[in-house]
Amino acid sequence: MQFQMLQKQMEQINEHVELIQRQRGEVIDSIDALEGLEQVKEGTEVFAPIATGVFIKASFKDTKNLLINVGADTVVERSVKDVIGLLKQQDEGLQEKMRQAGEILEHLQEQAMQIYRQVEAVEAEE
């Protein structure tokens, strides 16, 4: 019973790690896109998404500043460099969460191994 609980917890942590990895991928993709923005000239036409699968033609008017949502329906202007810095901080936080999850997973695996050894010892005595 305890072994099954540990297995369930390990599965949940693995799912959590996968979610964090996807989030990191999105953050890294965003950083890459913003770093590429430095080469884009003002006036360059793009297709901007306005809904799933729906785009509008737009052109860049300012490639040095971005508008970011800071919560509570509040948008502020920040430089591309500042936004990249914020995204890198997010990535560091996600890496730390992955490290912590890895430590917890390792601890749970040790506990599961101890239970497995105890079961083997009992079976060997019989």
Protein backbone atom coordinates (compact mmCIF):
# COMPACT_ATOMS: atom_id res chain seq x y z
CA MET A 1 0.00 0.00 0.00
CA GLN A 2 2.76 2.44 0.98
CA PHE A 3 4.73 1.43 -2.13
CA GLN A 4 1.72 2.24 -4.34
CA MET A 5 1.36 5.65 -2.69
CA LEU A 6 5.02 6.37 -3.40
CA GLN A 7 4.57 5.31 -7.02
CA LYS A 8 1.58 7.63 -7.35
CA GLN A 9 3.56 10.53 -5.87
CA MET A 10 6.47 9.84 -8.22
CA GLU A 11 4.09 9.85 -11.21
CA GLN A 12 2.64 13.19 -10.09
CA ILE A 13 6.09 14.70 -9.70
CA ASN A 14 7.13 13.41 -13.13
CA GLU A 15 4.01 15.03 -14.62
CA HIS A 16 4.87 18.26 -12.80
CA VAL A 17 8.42 18.15 -14.18
CA GLU A 18 7.06 17.64 -17.70
CA LEU A 19 4.83 20.70 -17.25
CA ILE A 20 7.79 22.76 -16.04
CA GLN A 21 9.85 21.58 -19.03
CA ARG A 22 7.09 22.71 -21.40
CA GLN A 23 6.94 26.08 -19.63
CA ARG A 24 10.71 26.43 -19.92
CA GLY A 25 10.48 25.63 -23.61
CA GLU A 26 7.93 28.41 -24.08
CA VAL A 27 10.08 30.87 -22.11
CA ILE A 28 13.21 29.95 -24.09
CA ASP A 29 11.29 30.27 -27.38
CA SER A 30 10.09 33.72 -26.27
CA ILE A 31 13.64 34.78 -25.40
CA ASP A 32 14.88 33.59 -28.80
CA ALA A 33 12.07 35.46 -30.59
CA LEU A 34 12.77 38.67 -28.67
CA GLU A 35 16.50 38.43 -29.34
CA GLY A 36 15.65 38.10 -33.03
CA LEU A 37 13.48 41.20 -32.81
CA GLU A 38 16.63 43.31 -32.67
CA GLN A 39 17.22 42.56 -36.38
CA VAL A 40 13.68 43.51 -37.44
CA LYS A 41 13.31 46.91 -39.02
CA GLU A 42 10.45 49.24 -38.20
CA GLY A 43 7.74 48.98 -40.83
CA THR A 44 8.32 45.25 -41.41
CA GLU A 45 4.99 43.55 -42.09
CA VAL A 46 3.95 40.54 -40.02
CA PHE A 47 0.87 38.45 -39.42
CA ALA A 48 -0.30 39.05 -35.84
CA PRO A 49 -2.57 36.44 -34.24
CA ILE A 50 -5.91 37.78 -33.00
CA ALA A 51 -7.61 34.42 -32.35
CA THR A 52 -6.79 30.75 -32.83
CA GLY A 53 -5.90 30.39 -36.50
CA VAL A 54 -6.91 34.00 -37.26
CA PHE A 55 -4.31 36.61 -38.17
CA ILE A 56 -4.21 40.25 -39.17
CA LYS A 57 -1.58 42.00 -41.25
CA ALA A 58 0.37 44.42 -39.11
CA SER A 59 3.64 46.27 -39.24
CA PHE A 60 6.21 47.05 -36.58
CA LYS A 61 6.17 50.65 -35.41
CA ASP A 62 8.51 50.19 -32.46
CA THR A 63 10.97 47.30 -32.18
CA LYS A 64 12.67 48.63 -29.07
CA ASN A 65 9.75 48.50 -26.60
CA LEU A 66 7.08 45.97 -25.76
CA LEU A 67 3.81 46.03 -23.86
CA ILE A 68 3.59 43.37 -21.16
CA ASN A 69 0.72 42.29 -18.95
CA VAL A 70 1.73 42.63 -15.30
CA GLY A 71 -1.57 41.33 -13.92
CA ALA A 72 -4.98 42.72 -13.00
CA ASP A 73 -5.49 43.78 -16.64
CA THR A 74 -2.57 46.19 -16.34
CA VAL A 75 -0.19 46.61 -19.26
CA VAL A 76 3.13 48.44 -19.02
CA GLU A 77 5.76 49.35 -21.56
CA ARG A 78 9.21 47.79 -21.15
CA SER A 79 12.28 47.64 -23.33
CA VAL A 80 13.03 44.42 -25.17
CA LYS A 81 16.15 44.05 -23.02
CA ASP A 82 14.10 44.37 -19.82
CA VAL A 83 11.57 41.79 -21.01
CA ILE A 84 14.35 39.37 -21.93
CA GLY A 85 15.73 39.87 -18.42
CA LEU A 86 12.31 39.10 -16.89
CA LEU A 87 12.00 35.97 -19.01
CA LYS A 88 15.46 34.83 -17.96
CA GLN A 89 14.43 35.28 -14.33
CA GLN A 90 11.35 33.16 -15.00
CA ASP A 91 13.57 30.51 -16.56
CA GLU A 92 15.84 30.51 -13.51
CA GLY A 93 12.78 30.05 -11.28
CA LEU A 94 11.59 27.16 -13.40
CA GLN A 95 15.04 25.55 -13.29
CA GLU A 96 14.97 25.82 -9.49
CA LYS A 97 11.55 24.15 -9.38
CA MET A 98 12.90 21.33 -11.54
CA ARG A 99 15.88 20.93 -9.22
CA GLN A 100 13.58 20.75 -6.18
CA ALA A 101 11.28 18.27 -7.89
CA GLY A 102 14.30 16.15 -8.77
CA GLU A 103 15.38 16.08 -5.12
CA ILE A 104 11.91 15.07 -3.98
CA LEU A 105 11.73 12.40 -6.66
CA GLU A 106 15.11 11.02 -5.60
CA HIS A 107 13.96 10.89 -1.96
CA LEU A 108 10.75 9.05 -2.94
CA GLN A 109 12.74 6.59 -5.06
CA GLU A 110 14.98 5.85 -2.07
CA GLN A 111 11.93 5.19 0.08
CA ALA A 112 10.44 2.93 -2.58
CA MET A 113 13.71 1.01 -2.82
CA GLN A 114 13.77 0.51 0.95
CA ILE A 115 10.25 -0.92 0.86
CA TYR A 116 11.20 -3.15 -2.06
CA ARG A 117 14.21 -4.47 -0.14
CA GLN A 118 12.07 -5.14 2.93
CA VAL A 119 9.58 -7.09 0.84
CA GLU A 120 12.40 -9.10 -0.74
CA ALA A 121 13.85 -9.85 2.69
CA VAL A 122 10.48 -11.08 3.98
CA GLU A 123 9.98 -13.24 0.89
CA ALA A 124 13.49 -14.69 1.24
CA GLU A 125 12.74 -15.73 4.83
CA GLU A 126 9.65 -17.65 3.78
